[in-house]
C-alpha atoms as a PDB file:
ATOM      1  CA  MET A   1       0.000   0.000   0.000  1.00  0.00           C
ATOM      2  CA  PRO A   2       1.543   3.376  -0.997  1.00  0.00           C
ATOM      3  CA  PRO A   3       2.166   5.884   1.779  1.00  0.00           C
ATOM      4  CA  ALA A   4      -0.548   8.471   2.325  1.00  0.00           C
ATOM      5  CA  ALA A   5       0.069  11.942   0.955  1.00  0.00           C
ATOM      6  CA  PRO A   6       1.109  14.447   3.624  1.00  0.00           C
ATOM      7  CA  THR A   7      -1.608  16.686   4.978  1.00  0.00           C
ATOM      8  CA  LEU A   8      -1.705  20.350   4.066  1.00  0.00           C
ATOM      9  CA  LYS A   9      -0.535  21.266   7.564  1.00  0.00           C
ATOM     10  CA  ALA A  10       2.405  18.832   7.285  1.00  0.00           C
ATOM     11  CA  ARG A  11       3.377  20.374   3.951  1.00  0.00           C
ATOM     12  CA  ALA A  12       3.227  23.847   5.489  1.00  0.00           C
ATOM     13  CA  LEU A  13       5.410  22.776   8.416  1.00  0.00           C
ATOM     14  CA  ARG A  14       7.930  21.133   6.099  1.00  0.00           C
ATOM     15  CA  LEU A  15       8.204  24.349   4.064  1.00  0.00           C
ATOM     16  CA  LEU A  16       8.398  26.606   7.120  1.00  0.00           C
ATOM     17  CA  ALA A  17      11.093  24.422   8.668  1.00  0.00           C
ATOM     18  CA  ARG A  18      13.412  25.296   5.769  1.00  0.00           C
ATOM     19  CA  ARG A  19      12.909  29.067   5.722  1.00  0.00           C
ATOM     20  CA  ASP A  20      10.445  31.809   6.589  1.00  0.00           C
ATOM     21  CA  TYR A  21       7.724  32.448   4.041  1.00  0.00           C
ATOM     22  CA  THR A  22       5.206  35.234   3.733  1.00  0.00           C
ATOM     23  CA  ARG A  23       1.546  34.281   3.857  1.00  0.00           C
ATOM     24  CA  HIS A  24       1.279  34.947   0.124  1.00  0.00           C
ATOM     25  CA  GLU A  25       4.234  32.686  -0.729  1.00  0.00           C
ATOM     26  CA  LEU A  26       3.073  29.855   1.496  1.00  0.00           C
ATOM     27  CA  ALA A  27      -0.425  30.078   0.044  1.00  0.00           C
ATOM     28  CA  GLN A  28       0.998  29.827  -3.482  1.00  0.00           C
ATOM     29  CA  ARG A  29       3.028  26.748  -2.580  1.00  0.00           C
ATOM     30  CA  LEU A  30       0.188  25.001  -0.771  1.00  0.00           C
ATOM     31  CA  ALA A  31      -2.676  25.901  -3.146  1.00  0.00           C
ATOM     32  CA  PRO A  32      -2.123  22.985  -5.567  1.00  0.00           C
ATOM     33  CA  HIS A  33      -2.450  20.541  -2.655  1.00  0.00           C
ATOM     34  CA  ALA A  34      -5.486  22.110  -0.958  1.00  0.00           C
ATOM     35  CA  ALA A  35      -8.932  20.645  -1.436  1.00  0.00           C
ATOM     36  CA  ASP A  36     -10.493  24.114  -1.381  1.00  0.00           C
ATOM     37  CA  GLU A  37      -9.814  27.724  -0.414  1.00  0.00           C
ATOM     38  CA  ALA A  38     -11.312  27.305   3.055  1.00  0.00           C
ATOM     39  CA  GLU A  39      -8.904  24.479   3.935  1.00  0.00           C
ATOM     40  CA  LEU A  40      -5.950  26.545   2.751  1.00  0.00           C
ATOM     41  CA  GLU A  41      -7.016  29.606   4.755  1.00  0.00           C
ATOM     42  CA  ALA A  42      -7.564  27.481   7.860  1.00  0.00           C
ATOM     43  CA  VAL A  43      -4.030  26.068   7.659  1.00  0.00           C
ATOM     44  CA  LEU A  44      -2.538  29.521   7.030  1.00  0.00           C
ATOM     45  CA  ASP A  45      -4.497  30.987   9.947  1.00  0.00           C
ATOM     46  CA  GLU A  46      -3.344  28.206  12.272  1.00  0.00           C
ATOM     47  CA  CYS A  47       0.297  28.669  11.204  1.00  0.00           C
ATOM     48  CA  ALA A  48       0.029  32.406  11.860  1.00  0.00           C
ATOM     49  CA  ARG A  49      -1.755  31.901  15.199  1.00  0.00           C
ATOM     50  CA  ARG A  50       0.958  29.515  16.411  1.00  0.00           C
ATOM     51  CA  GLY A  51       3.718  31.921  15.309  1.00  0.00           C
ATOM     52  CA  TRP A  52       5.081  29.676  12.578  1.00  0.00           C
ATOM     53  CA  LEU A  53       4.114  32.153   9.868  1.00  0.00           C
ATOM     54  CA  ASP A  54       5.304  35.691  10.590  1.00  0.00           C
ATOM     55  CA  GLU A  55       5.511  38.457   7.974  1.00  0.00           C
ATOM     56  CA  SER A  56       8.058  40.551   9.882  1.00  0.00           C
ATOM     57  CA  ARG A  57      10.309  37.534  10.417  1.00  0.00           C
ATOM     58  CA  ALA A  58      10.061  36.665   6.705  1.00  0.00           C
ATOM     59  CA  LEU A  59      11.000  40.247   5.837  1.00  0.00           C
ATOM     60  CA  GLU A  60      14.007  40.180   8.176  1.00  0.00           C
ATOM     61  CA  ALA A  61      15.185  36.836   6.835  1.00  0.00           C
ATOM     62  CA  HIS A  62      14.906  38.057   3.242  1.00  0.00           C
ATOM     63  CA  LEU A  63      16.850  41.237   3.974  1.00  0.00           C
ATOM     64  CA  HIS A  64      19.488  39.283   5.865  1.00  0.00           C
ATOM     65  CA  ARG A  65      19.994  36.971   2.859  1.00  0.00           C
ATOM     66  CA  ARG A  66      19.775  39.504   0.052  1.00  0.00           C
ATOM     67  CA  ALA A  67      20.643  43.021   1.256  1.00  0.00           C
ATOM     68  CA  ALA A  68      24.435  42.774   1.079  1.00  0.00           C
ATOM     69  CA  GLY A  69      24.714  43.232  -2.675  1.00  0.00           C
ATOM     70  CA  ARG A  70      21.489  44.975  -3.582  1.00  0.00           C
ATOM     71  CA  GLY A  71      20.022  48.459  -3.436  1.00  0.00           C
ATOM     72  CA  ARG A  72      16.800  49.718  -1.931  1.00  0.00           C
ATOM     73  CA  ALA A  73      14.828  49.716  -5.169  1.00  0.00           C
ATOM     74  CA  ARG A  74      15.639  46.090  -5.941  1.00  0.00           C
ATOM     75  CA  LEU A  75      14.983  44.911  -2.386  1.00  0.00           C
ATOM     76  CA  GLN A  76      11.664  46.755  -2.171  1.00  0.00           C
ATOM     77  CA  ALA A  77      10.579  45.161  -5.461  1.00  0.00           C
ATOM     78  CA  GLU A  78      11.577  41.719  -4.159  1.00  0.00           C
ATOM     79  CA  LEU A  79       9.596  42.258  -0.959  1.00  0.00           C
ATOM     80  CA  ARG A  80       6.501  43.307  -2.901  1.00  0.00           C
ATOM     81  CA  ALA A  81       6.921  40.279  -5.191  1.00  0.00           C
ATOM     82  CA  ARG A  82       6.980  38.054  -2.112  1.00  0.00           C
ATOM     83  CA  GLY A  83       3.596  39.446  -1.142  1.00  0.00           C
ATOM     84  CA  LEU A  84       4.590  41.802   1.668  1.00  0.00           C
ATOM     85  CA  THR A  85       2.032  44.594   1.651  1.00  0.00           C
ATOM     86  CA  ASP A  86       2.098  45.917   5.229  1.00  0.00           C
ATOM     87  CA  PRO A  87       3.020  49.602   4.745  1.00  0.00           C
ATOM     88  CA  VAL A  88       4.499  49.913   8.243  1.00  0.00           C
ATOM     89  CA  LEU A  89       6.851  46.943   7.740  1.00  0.00           C
ATOM     90  CA  LEU A  90       7.877  48.141   4.282  1.00  0.00           C
ATOM     91  CA  GLU A  91       8.494  51.687   5.513  1.00  0.00           C
ATOM     92  CA  GLU A  92      10.640  50.503   8.436  1.00  0.00           C
ATOM     93  CA  ALA A  93      12.636  48.246   6.119  1.00  0.00           C
ATOM     94  CA  ASP A  94      13.147  51.108   3.652  1.00  0.00           C
ATOM     95  CA  ALA A  95      14.417  53.410   6.401  1.00  0.00           C
ATOM     96  CA  ARG A  96      16.941  50.797   7.561  1.00  0.00           C
ATOM     97  CA  LEU A  97      18.055  50.122   3.991  1.00  0.00           C
ATOM     98  CA  ALA A  98      18.470  53.837   3.315  1.00  0.00           C
ATOM     99  CA  ALA A  99      20.802  54.160   6.304  1.00  0.00           C
ATOM    100  CA  THR A 100      23.233  51.578   4.899  1.00  0.00           C
ATOM    101  CA  GLU A 101      22.740  52.125   1.168  1.00  0.00           C
ATOM    102  CA  ALA A 102      26.054  53.915   0.519  1.00  0.00           C
ATOM    103  CA  GLU A 103      28.121  51.356   2.443  1.00  0.00           C
ATOM    104  CA  ARG A 104      26.431  48.455   0.662  1.00  0.00           C
ATOM    105  CA  ALA A 105      26.939  50.092  -2.739  1.00  0.00           C
ATOM    106  CA  GLN A 106      30.622  50.735  -2.010  1.00  0.00           C
ATOM    107  CA  ALA A 107      31.161  47.169  -0.799  1.00  0.00           C
ATOM    108  CA  THR A 108      29.322  45.726  -3.804  1.00  0.00           C
ATOM    109  CA  TRP A 109      31.368  47.798  -6.242  1.00  0.00           C
ATOM    110  CA  ALA A 110      34.652  46.958  -4.475  1.00  0.00           C
ATOM    111  CA  ARG A 111      33.843  43.237  -4.365  1.00  0.00           C
ATOM    112  CA  ARG A 112      33.049  43.140  -8.098  1.00  0.00           C
ATOM    113  CA  PHE A 113      35.573  45.615  -9.514  1.00  0.00           C
ATOM    114  CA  GLY A 114      37.889  47.003  -6.838  1.00  0.00           C
ATOM    115  CA  ALA A 115      39.734  49.260  -9.278  1.00  0.00           C
ATOM    116  CA  ALA A 116      38.912  52.497 -11.059  1.00  0.00           C
ATOM    117  CA  PRO A 117      37.557  52.111 -14.583  1.00  0.00           C
ATOM    118  CA  ARG A 118      40.093  52.291 -17.432  1.00  0.00           C
ATOM    119  CA  ASP A 119      37.915  54.320 -19.779  1.00  0.00           C
ATOM    120  CA  ALA A 120      34.432  55.756 -20.209  1.00  0.00           C
ATOM    121  CA  ALA A 121      33.033  52.471 -21.522  1.00  0.00           C
ATOM    122  CA  ASP A 122      34.347  50.607 -18.480  1.00  0.00           C
ATOM    123  CA  ARG A 123      32.861  53.257 -16.168  1.00  0.00           C
ATOM    124  CA  ALA A 124      29.501  52.904 -17.925  1.00  0.00           C
ATOM    125  CA  ARG A 125      29.669  49.127 -17.423  1.00  0.00           C
ATOM    126  CA  GLN A 126      30.411  49.573 -13.720  1.00  0.00           C
ATOM    127  CA  LEU A 127      27.552  52.060 -13.371  1.00  0.00           C
ATOM    128  CA  ARG A 128      25.133  49.671 -15.106  1.00  0.00           C
ATOM    129  CA  PHE A 129      26.233  46.917 -12.703  1.00  0.00           C
ATOM    130  CA  LEU A 130      25.245  49.006  -9.665  1.00  0.00           C
ATOM    131  CA  LEU A 131      22.022  50.221 -11.291  1.00  0.00           C
ATOM    132  CA  ALA A 132      20.990  46.649 -12.132  1.00  0.00           C
ATOM    133  CA  ARG A 133      21.400  45.755  -8.470  1.00  0.00           C
ATOM    134  CA  GLY A 134      18.907  48.455  -7.483  1.00  0.00           C
ATOM    135  CA  PHE A 135      21.201  51.230  -6.294  1.00  0.00           C
ATOM    136  CA  ALA A 136      20.136  54.821  -7.014  1.00  0.00           C
ATOM    137  CA  PRO A 137      21.762  56.455 -10.057  1.00  0.00           C
ATOM    138  CA  GLU A 138      23.183  59.397  -8.096  1.00  0.00           C
ATOM    139  CA  LEU A 139      24.716  56.994  -5.570  1.00  0.00           C
ATOM    140  CA  ALA A 140      26.216  54.844  -8.327  1.00  0.00           C
ATOM    141  CA  ARG A 141      27.786  57.941  -9.908  1.00  0.00           C
ATOM    142  CA  ARG A 142      29.344  58.850  -6.539  1.00  0.00           C
ATOM    143  CA  ILE A 143      30.699  55.335  -5.946  1.00  0.00           C
ATOM    144  CA  VAL A 144      32.246  54.594  -9.339  1.00  0.00           C
ATOM    145  CA  PRO A 145      35.414  56.662  -9.743  1.00  0.00           C
ATOM    146  CA  ARG A 146      35.665  58.956 -12.714  1.00  0.00           C
ATOM    147  CA  VAL A 147      38.106  58.242 -15.498  1.00  0.00           C
ATOM    148  CA  ALA A 148      40.913  60.814 -15.785  1.00  0.00           C
ATOM    149  CA  ALA A 149      39.913  61.594 -19.368  1.00  0.00           C
ATOM    150  CA  ASP A 150      36.314  62.131 -18.198  1.00  0.00           C
ATOM    151  CA  ASP A 151      37.442  64.762 -15.691  1.00  0.00           C
ATOM    152  CA  ALA A 152      39.278  66.720 -18.375  1.00  0.00           C
ATOM    153  CA  CYS A 153      36.266  66.646 -20.696  1.00  0.00           C
ATOM    154  CA  THR A 154      33.562  67.680 -18.235  1.00  0.00           C
ATOM    155  CA  ASP A 155      32.833  70.915 -16.453  1.00  0.00           C
ATOM    156  CA  ARG A 156      32.060  71.180 -12.742  1.00  0.00           C
ATOM    157  CA  HIS A 157      28.410  70.230 -13.449  1.00  0.00           C
ATOM    158  CA  GLY A 158      29.308  67.007 -15.288  1.00  0.00           C
ATOM    159  CA  ARG A 159      28.430  68.379 -18.741  1.00  0.00           C
ATOM    160  CA  ALA A 160      30.670  67.370 -21.646  1.00  0.00           C
ATOM    161  CA  GLN A 161      33.270  69.947 -22.612  1.00  0.00           C
ATOM    162  CA  TYR A 162      35.330  69.414 -25.732  1.00  0.00           C
ATOM    163  CA  PRO A 163      38.734  71.035 -26.059  1.00  0.00           C
ATOM    164  CA  THR A 164      38.974  73.551 -28.865  1.00  0.00           C
ATOM    165  CA  GLU A 165      41.828  73.861 -31.291  1.00  0.00           C
ATOM    166  CA  PRO A 166      43.991  76.982 -30.972  1.00  0.00           C
ATOM    167  CA  ASP A 167      42.976  79.614 -33.465  1.00  0.00           C
ATOM    168  CA  ASP A 168      45.735  79.848 -36.120  1.00  0.00           C
ATOM    169  CA  ALA A 169      44.428  83.161 -37.486  1.00  0.00           C
ATOM    170  CA  ALA A 170      44.875  84.898 -34.129  1.00  0.00           C
ATOM    171  CA  GLY A 171      48.596  84.201 -33.979  1.00  0.00           C
END
């Protein structure tokens, strides 16, 4: 006789034993195995009531795993994708992320590149790397060192300045 399929509660406990899930994520994983919506909600409610399912703990665990190499924008998008909708939790997380954003961006850039870009194309590649990780554009521009040739060709506002040829007729 084949073994009986695990109950919905057993499946939930097995998942929650591995890592913290949001209610939305756990519901998505359990839905294919639930007989109906009421059974699923009952299991989710029991998990939350017993403290096995905790949104703030899931948020903390996610930030602990992912924050080191990612910016605020990327992390906020990941949290929303995981189903976290509590505005108070999201606001608190954003404030904490904002406080360490520059240090995380610097560490991420140093870990990946560690040296100033060789030319403008290399600087653009390094900037795109930080932007793709969710760091703010102005922060990325501060972190990635300028190329010496860039400094000579830009004014104090960062606008391109092209050297002019000396006027032969004046001499």
